[in-house]
Each structure stands twice: as C-alpha cells, then as structure tokens.
Amino acid sequence: MPKTIVITGASDGIGAAGARQLHKDGHQVVVVGRSPEKTLAVAKELGADHFLADFARLDEVRGLAARLNETYGRIDVLVNNAGGIFGDRAKTADGFEKTFQINHLAPFLLTNLLIDKLVSSHASVIQTSSSGARLFGKLDLDDLDHDSDFTPQRAYGTAKLENILFTKELHRRFHTQGLSAAAFHPGAVATSFATESDSFMKRIYNSRIGRSFMVTPEKGADQLVWLAESAPGTAWESGTYYEKRRPARRNHSQTLDADVARVLWERSAQLVGQQIS
C-alpha cells in the first residue's frame, strides 16, 4: 500500500537516493531540503511535493511543520535525515551550537510538532544516525553545546548519539499509541558529506583512496528504504538502532541508559520551548 513519506535532507546524498527509490516503488514522497536549487531539481525529477527549510533556523523548522500539518491528512513515515558535520564551533541564530541544533534539536522539534499527526497515522519515524556515535560521541547533559570540549568530530558523534537516544525515548513515550521509531547507520557513503567541515573526515571524504572504500548513495539508502517500506514489529523492532539491517552489535554505553534518554528529551523540549509530552 502506498505511503506518504516525508524525507528531510532529500536534496542530495542518501536522502535523494532514498526518495528516488521510494518514488519508484509507488509511494508519495515529500522532498525537504535546504538548497532551493537542489531541492527543486529532485522534486521536479520525481514530480513530488517539496518544502524548503534551513535547520540552522528553528523558525523555519516550525514553518515547515505547519505546512506539512496543513498539507497532508496523514504522514506514514517521517525520515529525519538532514544533518552533517561542520567546521569551527559556531552558534546559530537561535543560540545553539550548529551541529547540535541541525542534527538533533531541529529534528526533535519537527517530530514533536508533527506528533499528533504521526500518532494518528501510526507512523514510523526514522533517524539517520552513524557509527560516529560510538566512535566520537560523549554526551554531557550539562554541556549540550560543547562549550568545554568542542571538536567537529566530537560534536558530530554526540549528535548521532543523541539521534539514537531520541529514537529510544520516542519509542518509550509513543509506541503504545501506535508510533514506531528506528535509527540506522548508512555506512561510509560517497557523498558531499563533511564538505563544510574542518575535521579529518573532510580529507577522507574528498580523497580518491577514501572514496574507493565507500558505498554509493543508493547502497547507503538501502536501510532507509527498508525501514520506510516494511512493517515494524515484523521486519524490524521499534526503538532499535540498525546497522546492515540488523540491530547494532556494538553500542555506545550511553544508548543503554534510559535515564539519559529521558533527561535529554526533557532538556531538548525546554530548549526549543516545547511542552514535555
């Protein structure tokens, strides 16, 4: 049965690749991106609806949520895919460290603003995470902006860790109401990832040798498509982080701490001015 699937970060990389495959499979894909040119190009290619939003501005996230709520009677899948690793520590117009806001706070806010529609649709919420959570992540609930320990890779890894914790807490709070949630690691994908970063990851992603070990965006989007199309509880289990279509065998210790997930949710809600559900 065709689904209405909203994909953020769908103007390039695995988001665009996933949108193409899901459209090919007969679903109504909604393309969300930051770049007007790239987002429109993907949408025109697919004959799909598209919306623009810069996740470095929470007012644009709120506007996006309002337009999605107004436009669609149901949303079967929300794919929180927008994100990335960036350069020197910088604050957004909202006052938050850029990596933290774009990768975690913005999708947290978007999901919460759509929560009534997602619950009524018995939707799946999918987070694009990364093994960077395990390699570089270290969540300090008293320093979410990395004022004391910023490096590009630390901020990115911690944001990807937050994606997994958000998935687990979203499952805990809403699964009994029909909502399902999963996070996944797409692998090292040959995309424009890390081009805005000053970290060593930019050199890897820009090098011919590094890219020779990476998978294509289409391969990287495999789990995104699988999670979006298949049934939670049958093909996959809600609240789980996946690598290669299997529950991750190695996890960051903080992802196993339910109290950390709960407190992160509460503090994130306070930061974006949302009532705690």
C-alpha atoms as a PDB file:
ATOM      1  CA  MET A   1       0.000   0.000   0.000  1.00  0.00           C
ATOM      2  CA  PRO A   2       1.449   3.420  -0.983  1.00  0.00           C
ATOM      3  CA  LYS A   3       2.624   5.607   1.886  1.00  0.00           C
ATOM      4  CA  THR A   4       3.135   9.323   2.367  1.00  0.00           C
ATOM      5  CA  ILE A   5       6.816   9.641   3.243  1.00  0.00           C
ATOM      6  CA  VAL A   6       8.483  12.899   4.296  1.00  0.00           C
ATOM      7  CA  ILE A   7      12.279  12.919   3.920  1.00  0.00           C
ATOM      8  CA  THR A   8      14.429  15.763   5.226  1.00  0.00           C
ATOM      9  CA  GLY A   9      17.847  16.274   3.687  1.00  0.00           C
ATOM     10  CA  ALA A  10      16.390  14.841   0.474  1.00  0.00           C
ATOM     11  CA  SER A  11      18.114  17.209  -1.941  1.00  0.00           C
ATOM     12  CA  ASP A  12      21.343  15.194  -2.093  1.00  0.00           C
ATOM     13  CA  GLY A  13      23.104  12.045  -0.904  1.00  0.00           C
ATOM     14  CA  ILE A  14      21.200   9.150   0.627  1.00  0.00           C
ATOM     15  CA  GLY A  15      18.128  11.327   1.153  1.00  0.00           C
ATOM     16  CA  ALA A  16      17.792  11.937  -2.578  1.00  0.00           C
ATOM     17  CA  ALA A  17      18.666   8.318  -3.381  1.00  0.00           C
ATOM     18  CA  GLY A  18      16.057   7.079  -0.923  1.00  0.00           C
ATOM     19  CA  ALA A  19      13.463   9.472  -2.322  1.00  0.00           C
ATOM     20  CA  ARG A  20      14.082   8.185  -5.843  1.00  0.00           C
ATOM     21  CA  GLN A  21      13.724   4.541  -4.830  1.00  0.00           C
ATOM     22  CA  LEU A  22      10.625   5.114  -2.722  1.00  0.00           C
ATOM     23  CA  HIS A  23       9.027   7.118  -5.544  1.00  0.00           C
ATOM     24  CA  LYS A  24       9.868   4.320  -7.960  1.00  0.00           C
ATOM     25  CA  ASP A  25       8.167   1.881  -5.595  1.00  0.00           C
ATOM     26  CA  GLY A  26       4.961   3.892  -5.806  1.00  0.00           C
ATOM     27  CA  HIS A  27       4.969   5.981  -2.638  1.00  0.00           C
ATOM     28  CA  GLN A  28       4.114   9.666  -2.287  1.00  0.00           C
ATOM     29  CA  VAL A  29       7.450  11.200  -1.398  1.00  0.00           C
ATOM     30  CA  VAL A  30       7.730  14.673   0.088  1.00  0.00           C
ATOM     31  CA  VAL A  31      11.153  16.210  -0.540  1.00  0.00           C
ATOM     32  CA  VAL A  32      12.529  18.565   2.125  1.00  0.00           C
ATOM     33  CA  GLY A  33      15.850  20.342   1.709  1.00  0.00           C
ATOM     34  CA  ARG A  34      17.827  23.482   2.433  1.00  0.00           C
ATOM     35  CA  SER A  35      19.088  24.340  -1.063  1.00  0.00           C
ATOM     36  CA  PRO A  36      16.354  25.785  -3.310  1.00  0.00           C
ATOM     37  CA  GLU A  37      18.102  24.640  -6.486  1.00  0.00           C
ATOM     38  CA  LYS A  38      18.923  21.085  -5.398  1.00  0.00           C
ATOM     39  CA  THR A  39      15.609  20.514  -3.638  1.00  0.00           C
ATOM     40  CA  LEU A  40      13.579  21.721  -6.628  1.00  0.00           C
ATOM     41  CA  ALA A  41      15.670  19.609  -9.009  1.00  0.00           C
ATOM     42  CA  VAL A  42      14.957  16.378  -7.091  1.00  0.00           C
ATOM     43  CA  ALA A  43      11.281  17.270  -6.683  1.00  0.00           C
ATOM     44  CA  LYS A  44      10.859  18.049 -10.395  1.00  0.00           C
ATOM     45  CA  GLU A  45      12.617  14.819 -11.336  1.00  0.00           C
ATOM     46  CA  LEU A  46      10.129  12.845  -9.239  1.00  0.00           C
ATOM     47  CA  GLY A  47       7.068  15.036  -9.752  1.00  0.00           C
ATOM     48  CA  ALA A  48       6.968  15.307  -5.957  1.00  0.00           C
ATOM     49  CA  ASP A  49       5.965  17.987  -3.477  1.00  0.00           C
ATOM     50  CA  HIS A  50       8.853  19.868  -1.931  1.00  0.00           C
ATOM     51  CA  PHE A  51       9.454  22.216   1.004  1.00  0.00           C
ATOM     52  CA  LEU A  52      12.446  24.341   1.958  1.00  0.00           C
ATOM     53  CA  ALA A  53      13.803  24.668   5.478  1.00  0.00           C
ATOM     54  CA  ASP A  54      17.196  25.530   6.918  1.00  0.00           C
ATOM     55  CA  PHE A  55      17.583  23.547  10.142  1.00  0.00           C
ATOM     56  CA  ALA A  56      20.016  26.164  11.427  1.00  0.00           C
ATOM     57  CA  ARG A  57      16.888  28.298  11.962  1.00  0.00           C
ATOM     58  CA  LEU A  58      14.237  26.859  14.260  1.00  0.00           C
ATOM     59  CA  ASP A  59      11.636  29.310  12.963  1.00  0.00           C
ATOM     60  CA  GLU A  60      11.979  27.608   9.574  1.00  0.00           C
ATOM     61  CA  VAL A  61      11.505  24.211  11.232  1.00  0.00           C
ATOM     62  CA  ARG A  62       8.307  25.489  12.841  1.00  0.00           C
ATOM     63  CA  GLY A  63       7.133  26.835   9.498  1.00  0.00           C
ATOM     64  CA  LEU A  64       7.889  23.516   7.827  1.00  0.00           C
ATOM     65  CA  ALA A  65       5.886  21.617  10.431  1.00  0.00           C
ATOM     66  CA  ALA A  66       2.931  23.977   9.983  1.00  0.00           C
ATOM     67  CA  ARG A  67       2.947  23.495   6.203  1.00  0.00           C
ATOM     68  CA  LEU A  68       3.214  19.722   6.489  1.00  0.00           C
ATOM     69  CA  ASN A  69       0.361  19.620   9.003  1.00  0.00           C
ATOM     70  CA  GLU A  70      -1.800  21.762   6.729  1.00  0.00           C
ATOM     71  CA  THR A  71      -0.998  19.879   3.525  1.00  0.00           C
ATOM     72  CA  TYR A  72      -1.244  16.205   4.458  1.00  0.00           C
ATOM     73  CA  GLY A  73      -4.062  14.362   6.134  1.00  0.00           C
ATOM     74  CA  ARG A  74      -1.659  11.652   7.217  1.00  0.00           C
ATOM     75  CA  ILE A  75       2.100  11.089   7.299  1.00  0.00           C
ATOM     76  CA  ASP A  76       3.051   7.434   7.299  1.00  0.00           C
ATOM     77  CA  VAL A  77       6.807   7.882   7.571  1.00  0.00           C
ATOM     78  CA  LEU A  78       8.982  10.771   8.720  1.00  0.00           C
ATOM     79  CA  VAL A  79      12.646  10.331   7.826  1.00  0.00           C
ATOM     80  CA  ASN A  80      14.834  12.701   9.861  1.00  0.00           C
ATOM     81  CA  ASN A  81      17.828  12.534   7.548  1.00  0.00           C
ATOM     82  CA  ALA A  82      19.100  16.141   7.403  1.00  0.00           C
ATOM     83  CA  GLY A  83      22.380  16.704   9.210  1.00  0.00           C
ATOM     84  CA  GLY A  84      26.123  16.771   8.865  1.00  0.00           C
ATOM     85  CA  ILE A  85      29.499  17.606  10.338  1.00  0.00           C
ATOM     86  CA  PHE A  86      30.601  21.217  10.257  1.00  0.00           C
ATOM     87  CA  GLY A  87      33.630  23.412  10.848  1.00  0.00           C
ATOM     88  CA  ASP A  88      34.665  25.560  13.771  1.00  0.00           C
ATOM     89  CA  ARG A  89      32.302  25.887  16.702  1.00  0.00           C
ATOM     90  CA  ALA A  90      29.592  28.365  15.768  1.00  0.00           C
ATOM     91  CA  LYS A  91      26.261  29.366  17.253  1.00  0.00           C
ATOM     92  CA  THR A  92      23.068  29.544  15.219  1.00  0.00           C
ATOM     93  CA  ALA A  93      20.673  32.484  15.244  1.00  0.00           C
ATOM     94  CA  ASP A  94      18.801  30.536  17.944  1.00  0.00           C
ATOM     95  CA  GLY A  95      21.892  30.481  20.159  1.00  0.00           C
ATOM     96  CA  PHE A  96      22.808  26.790  19.934  1.00  0.00           C
ATOM     97  CA  GLU A  97      25.953  25.084  18.671  1.00  0.00           C
ATOM     98  CA  LYS A  98      25.315  24.450  14.977  1.00  0.00           C
ATOM     99  CA  THR A  99      25.990  20.703  14.878  1.00  0.00           C
ATOM    100  CA  PHE A 100      23.791  20.083  17.911  1.00  0.00           C
ATOM    101  CA  GLN A 101      20.904  22.114  16.506  1.00  0.00           C
ATOM    102  CA  ILE A 102      20.902  20.812  12.930  1.00  0.00           C
ATOM    103  CA  ASN A 103      21.412  17.147  13.788  1.00  0.00           C
ATOM    104  CA  HIS A 104      19.346  16.885  16.972  1.00  0.00           C
ATOM    105  CA  LEU A 105      17.290  19.877  18.097  1.00  0.00           C
ATOM    106  CA  ALA A 106      15.738  20.587  14.690  1.00  0.00           C
ATOM    107  CA  PRO A 107      14.504  17.025  14.019  1.00  0.00           C
ATOM    108  CA  PHE A 108      13.434  16.758  17.666  1.00  0.00           C
ATOM    109  CA  LEU A 109      11.313  19.891  17.237  1.00  0.00           C
ATOM    110  CA  LEU A 110       9.929  18.842  13.844  1.00  0.00           C
ATOM    111  CA  THR A 111       8.893  15.433  15.154  1.00  0.00           C
ATOM    112  CA  ASN A 112       7.210  16.923  18.212  1.00  0.00           C
ATOM    113  CA  LEU A 113       5.318  19.499  16.147  1.00  0.00           C
ATOM    114  CA  LEU A 114       4.029  16.674  13.929  1.00  0.00           C
ATOM    115  CA  ILE A 115       3.451  14.207  16.768  1.00  0.00           C
ATOM    116  CA  ASP A 116      -0.365  14.260  16.739  1.00  0.00           C
ATOM    117  CA  LYS A 117      -0.444  13.504  13.021  1.00  0.00           C
ATOM    118  CA  LEU A 118       2.273  10.879  13.304  1.00  0.00           C
ATOM    119  CA  VAL A 119       0.486   9.096  16.139  1.00  0.00           C
ATOM    120  CA  SER A 120      -2.889   9.177  14.377  1.00  0.00           C
ATOM    121  CA  SER A 121      -1.198   7.808  11.239  1.00  0.00           C
ATOM    122  CA  HIS A 122       0.544   5.027  13.198  1.00  0.00           C
ATOM    123  CA  ALA A 123       3.681   6.346  11.555  1.00  0.00           C
ATOM    124  CA  SER A 124       7.307   5.274  11.576  1.00  0.00           C
ATOM    125  CA  VAL A 125       9.944   7.879  12.485  1.00  0.00           C
ATOM    126  CA  ILE A 126      13.375   7.050  11.100  1.00  0.00           C
ATOM    127  CA  GLN A 127      16.604   8.725  12.175  1.00  0.00           C
ATOM    128  CA  THR A 128      19.778   8.681  10.076  1.00  0.00           C
ATOM    129  CA  SER A 129      22.461   8.111  12.708  1.00  0.00           C
ATOM    130  CA  SER A 130      26.050   6.900  12.392  1.00  0.00           C
ATOM    131  CA  SER A 131      28.690   4.677  13.908  1.00  0.00           C
ATOM    132  CA  GLY A 132      30.277   8.044  14.730  1.00  0.00           C
ATOM    133  CA  ALA A 133      28.056   7.916  17.810  1.00  0.00           C
ATOM    134  CA  ARG A 134      30.136   5.043  19.135  1.00  0.00           C
ATOM    135  CA  LEU A 135      33.472   6.336  17.869  1.00  0.00           C
ATOM    136  CA  PHE A 136      33.298  10.018  18.845  1.00  0.00           C
ATOM    137  CA  GLY A 137      30.147  10.579  20.900  1.00  0.00           C
ATOM    138  CA  LYS A 138      30.198  11.667  24.532  1.00  0.00           C
ATOM    139  CA  LEU A 139      27.014  13.212  25.889  1.00  0.00           C
ATOM    140  CA  ASP A 140      27.324  15.701  28.735  1.00  0.00           C
ATOM    141  CA  LEU A 141      23.789  16.674  29.701  1.00  0.00           C
ATOM    142  CA  ASP A 142      25.149  19.804  31.384  1.00  0.00           C
ATOM    143  CA  ASP A 143      27.050  20.915  28.255  1.00  0.00           C
ATOM    144  CA  LEU A 144      24.900  20.103  25.236  1.00  0.00           C
ATOM    145  CA  ASP A 145      26.527  22.955  23.280  1.00  0.00           C
ATOM    146  CA  HIS A 146      30.062  21.546  23.803  1.00  0.00           C
ATOM    147  CA  ASP A 147      31.299  24.742  25.401  1.00  0.00           C
ATOM    148  CA  SER A 148      34.100  22.815  27.121  1.00  0.00           C
ATOM    149  CA  ASP A 149      35.036  20.032  24.689  1.00  0.00           C
ATOM    150  CA  PHE A 150      34.230  21.072  21.119  1.00  0.00           C
ATOM    151  CA  THR A 151      35.831  19.409  18.134  1.00  0.00           C
ATOM    152  CA  PRO A 152      33.914  18.892  14.866  1.00  0.00           C
ATOM    153  CA  GLN A 153      34.005  15.108  15.231  1.00  0.00           C
ATOM    154  CA  ARG A 154      33.050  15.186  18.944  1.00  0.00           C
ATOM    155  CA  ALA A 155      30.045  17.416  18.210  1.00  0.00           C
ATOM    156  CA  TYR A 156      29.003  15.229  15.274  1.00  0.00           C
ATOM    157  CA  GLY A 157      29.441  11.919  17.106  1.00  0.00           C
ATOM    158  CA  THR A 158      27.491  13.205  20.090  1.00  0.00           C
ATOM    159  CA  ALA A 159      24.680  14.438  17.821  1.00  0.00           C
ATOM    160  CA  LYS A 160      24.455  10.987  16.242  1.00  0.00           C
ATOM    161  CA  LEU A 161      24.375   9.511  19.754  1.00  0.00           C
ATOM    162  CA  GLU A 162      21.505  11.891  20.518  1.00  0.00           C
ATOM    163  CA  ASN A 163      19.673  10.595  17.431  1.00  0.00           C
ATOM    164  CA  ILE A 164      19.761   7.082  18.884  1.00  0.00           C
ATOM    165  CA  LEU A 165      18.702   8.245  22.342  1.00  0.00           C
ATOM    166  CA  PHE A 166      15.855  10.243  20.780  1.00  0.00           C
ATOM    167  CA  THR A 167      14.727   7.118  18.911  1.00  0.00           C
ATOM    168  CA  LYS A 168      14.647   5.079  22.101  1.00  0.00           C
ATOM    169  CA  GLU A 169      12.773   7.718  24.080  1.00  0.00           C
ATOM    170  CA  LEU A 170      10.324   8.353  21.232  1.00  0.00           C
ATOM    171  CA  HIS A 171       9.580   4.627  21.271  1.00  0.00           C
ATOM    172  CA  ARG A 172       9.117   4.618  25.050  1.00  0.00           C
ATOM    173  CA  ARG A 173       6.741   7.566  25.044  1.00  0.00           C
ATOM    174  CA  PHE A 174       4.616   6.815  21.999  1.00  0.00           C
ATOM    175  CA  HIS A 175       4.889   3.199  20.877  1.00  0.00           C
ATOM    176  CA  THR A 176       1.835   2.141  22.886  1.00  0.00           C
ATOM    177  CA  GLN A 177      -0.102   4.782  20.898  1.00  0.00           C
ATOM    178  CA  GLY A 178       0.927   3.211  17.598  1.00  0.00           C
ATOM    179  CA  LEU A 179       4.095   5.119  16.733  1.00  0.00           C
ATOM    180  CA  SER A 180       7.295   3.249  15.806  1.00  0.00           C
ATOM    181  CA  ALA A 181      10.860   4.548  15.665  1.00  0.00           C
ATOM    182  CA  ALA A 182      14.226   3.320  14.432  1.00  0.00           C
ATOM    183  CA  ALA A 183      17.698   4.708  13.777  1.00  0.00           C
ATOM    184  CA  PHE A 184      20.268   3.397  11.321  1.00  0.00           C
ATOM    185  CA  HIS A 185      23.873   3.772  10.218  1.00  0.00           C
ATOM    186  CA  PRO A 186      24.092   4.033   6.409  1.00  0.00           C
ATOM    187  CA  GLY A 187      27.795   3.179   6.271  1.00  0.00           C
ATOM    188  CA  ALA A 188      30.527   5.339   4.771  1.00  0.00           C
ATOM    189  CA  VAL A 189      28.813   6.794   1.712  1.00  0.00           C
ATOM    190  CA  ALA A 190      30.465   8.615  -1.188  1.00  0.00           C
ATOM    191  CA  THR A 191      28.528  11.890  -0.959  1.00  0.00           C
ATOM    192  CA  SER A 192      29.255  15.556  -0.264  1.00  0.00           C
ATOM    193  CA  PHE A 193      29.298  14.757   3.461  1.00  0.00           C
ATOM    194  CA  ALA A 194      31.868  16.717   5.509  1.00  0.00           C
ATOM    195  CA  THR A 195      32.499  19.325   2.794  1.00  0.00           C
ATOM    196  CA  GLU A 196      31.618  22.072   5.319  1.00  0.00           C
ATOM    197  CA  SER A 197      33.885  20.576   7.970  1.00  0.00           C
ATOM    198  CA  ASP A 198      37.442  21.328   9.006  1.00  0.00           C
ATOM    199  CA  SER A 199      37.851  17.859  10.517  1.00  0.00           C
ATOM    200  CA  PHE A 200      39.954  14.980   9.235  1.00  0.00           C
ATOM    201  CA  MET A 201      36.730  13.478   7.868  1.00  0.00           C
ATOM    202  CA  LYS A 202      36.686  16.109   5.113  1.00  0.00           C
ATOM    203  CA  ARG A 203      40.070  14.886   3.882  1.00  0.00           C
ATOM    204  CA  ILE A 204      38.856  11.285   3.896  1.00  0.00           C
ATOM    205  CA  TYR A 205      35.644  12.066   2.031  1.00  0.00           C
ATOM    206  CA  ASN A 206      37.479  14.223  -0.523  1.00  0.00           C
ATOM    207  CA  SER A 207      40.272  11.736  -1.202  1.00  0.00           C
ATOM    208  CA  ARG A 208      40.213   9.261  -4.064  1.00  0.00           C
ATOM    209  CA  ILE A 209      41.518   6.486  -1.816  1.00  0.00           C
ATOM    210  CA  GLY A 210      38.969   7.202   0.896  1.00  0.00           C
ATOM    211  CA  ARG A 211      36.061   7.247  -1.522  1.00  0.00           C
ATOM    212  CA  SER A 212      37.186   3.980  -3.065  1.00  0.00           C
ATOM    213  CA  PHE A 213      36.188   2.244   0.173  1.00  0.00           C
ATOM    214  CA  MET A 214      32.782   3.924   0.346  1.00  0.00           C
ATOM    215  CA  VAL A 215      29.417   2.737  -0.902  1.00  0.00           C
ATOM    216  CA  THR A 216      27.168   4.566  -3.348  1.00  0.00           C
ATOM    217  CA  PRO A 217      24.317   6.777  -2.100  1.00  0.00           C
ATOM    218  CA  GLU A 218      21.903   4.139  -3.418  1.00  0.00           C
ATOM    219  CA  LYS A 219      23.528   1.464  -1.277  1.00  0.00           C
ATOM    220  CA  GLY A 220      23.667   3.835   1.685  1.00  0.00           C
ATOM    221  CA  ALA A 221      19.927   4.463   1.335  1.00  0.00           C
ATOM    222  CA  ASP A 222      19.110   0.739   1.485  1.00  0.00           C
ATOM    223  CA  GLN A 223      18.149   0.717   5.167  1.00  0.00           C
ATOM    224  CA  LEU A 224      16.230   3.982   4.860  1.00  0.00           C
ATOM    225  CA  VAL A 225      14.067   2.415   2.144  1.00  0.00           C
ATOM    226  CA  TRP A 226      13.753  -0.889   4.017  1.00  0.00           C
ATOM    227  CA  LEU A 227      12.653   0.771   7.259  1.00  0.00           C
ATOM    228  CA  ALA A 228      10.225   3.087   5.433  1.00  0.00           C
ATOM    229  CA  GLU A 229       8.550   0.339   3.415  1.00  0.00           C
ATOM    230  CA  SER A 230       8.477  -2.594   5.812  1.00  0.00           C
ATOM    231  CA  ALA A 231       6.336  -3.224   8.862  1.00  0.00           C
ATOM    232  CA  PRO A 232       7.636  -2.509  12.367  1.00  0.00           C
ATOM    233  CA  GLY A 233       7.142  -5.480  14.630  1.00  0.00           C
ATOM    234  CA  THR A 234       7.618  -7.805  11.673  1.00  0.00           C
ATOM    235  CA  ALA A 235      10.657  -6.715   9.667  1.00  0.00           C
ATOM    236  CA  TRP A 236      12.191  -4.550  12.401  1.00  0.00           C
ATOM    237  CA  GLU A 237      11.692  -3.692  16.054  1.00  0.00           C
ATOM    238  CA  SER A 238      10.759  -0.220  17.227  1.00  0.00           C
ATOM    239  CA  GLY A 239      13.249   1.579  19.448  1.00  0.00           C
ATOM    240  CA  THR A 240      16.241  -0.113  17.813  1.00  0.00           C
ATOM    241  CA  TYR A 241      19.414   1.164  16.134  1.00  0.00           C
ATOM    242  CA  TYR A 242      20.317  -0.769  12.965  1.00  0.00           C
ATOM    243  CA  GLU A 243      23.492  -1.452  11.022  1.00  0.00           C
ATOM    244  CA  LYS A 244      23.246  -3.504   7.817  1.00  0.00           C
ATOM    245  CA  ARG A 245      19.576  -4.294   8.530  1.00  0.00           C
ATOM    246  CA  ARG A 246      20.438  -5.858  11.865  1.00  0.00           C
ATOM    247  CA  PRO A 247      20.372  -4.489  15.400  1.00  0.00           C
ATOM    248  CA  ALA A 248      23.803  -2.995  16.052  1.00  0.00           C
ATOM    249  CA  ARG A 249      26.089  -5.464  17.797  1.00  0.00           C
ATOM    250  CA  ARG A 250      28.222  -2.723  19.337  1.00  0.00           C
ATOM    251  CA  ASN A 251      26.575   0.223  21.058  1.00  0.00           C
ATOM    252  CA  HIS A 252      27.740   3.288  22.914  1.00  0.00           C
ATOM    253  CA  SER A 253      27.173   2.640  26.622  1.00  0.00           C
ATOM    254  CA  GLN A 254      25.037   5.779  26.964  1.00  0.00           C
ATOM    255  CA  THR A 255      22.484   4.447  24.455  1.00  0.00           C
ATOM    256  CA  LEU A 256      21.648   1.752  27.019  1.00  0.00           C
ATOM    257  CA  ASP A 257      20.837   4.284  29.760  1.00  0.00           C
ATOM    258  CA  ALA A 258      17.090   5.022  29.823  1.00  0.00           C
ATOM    259  CA  ASP A 259      17.569   7.895  32.264  1.00  0.00           C
ATOM    260  CA  VAL A 260      19.970   9.649  29.907  1.00  0.00           C
ATOM    261  CA  ALA A 261      17.441   9.341  27.066  1.00  0.00           C
ATOM    262  CA  ARG A 262      14.671  10.716  29.263  1.00  0.00           C
ATOM    263  CA  VAL A 263      16.670  13.693  30.519  1.00  0.00           C
ATOM    264  CA  LEU A 264      17.921  14.513  27.003  1.00  0.00           C
ATOM    265  CA  TRP A 265      14.284  14.623  25.840  1.00  0.00           C
ATOM    266  CA  GLU A 266      13.259  16.882  28.719  1.00  0.00           C
ATOM    267  CA  ARG A 267      16.143  19.304  28.230  1.00  0.00           C
ATOM    268  CA  SER A 268      15.667  19.364  24.454  1.00  0.00           C
ATOM    269  CA  ALA A 269      11.981  20.204  24.934  1.00  0.00           C
ATOM    270  CA  GLN A 270      12.901  23.058  27.268  1.00  0.00           C
ATOM    271  CA  LEU A 271      15.471  24.421  24.811  1.00  0.00           C
ATOM    272  CA  VAL A 272      13.016  24.567  21.899  1.00  0.00           C
ATOM    273  CA  GLY A 273      10.107  25.759  24.039  1.00  0.00           C
ATOM    274  CA  GLN A 274       8.004  22.622  23.686  1.00  0.00           C
ATOM    275  CA  GLN A 275       5.720  21.277  26.357  1.00  0.00           C
ATOM    276  CA  ILE A 276       7.071  17.925  27.542  1.00  0.00           C
ATOM    277  CA  SER A 277       4.821  15.155  26.258  1.00  0.00           C
END
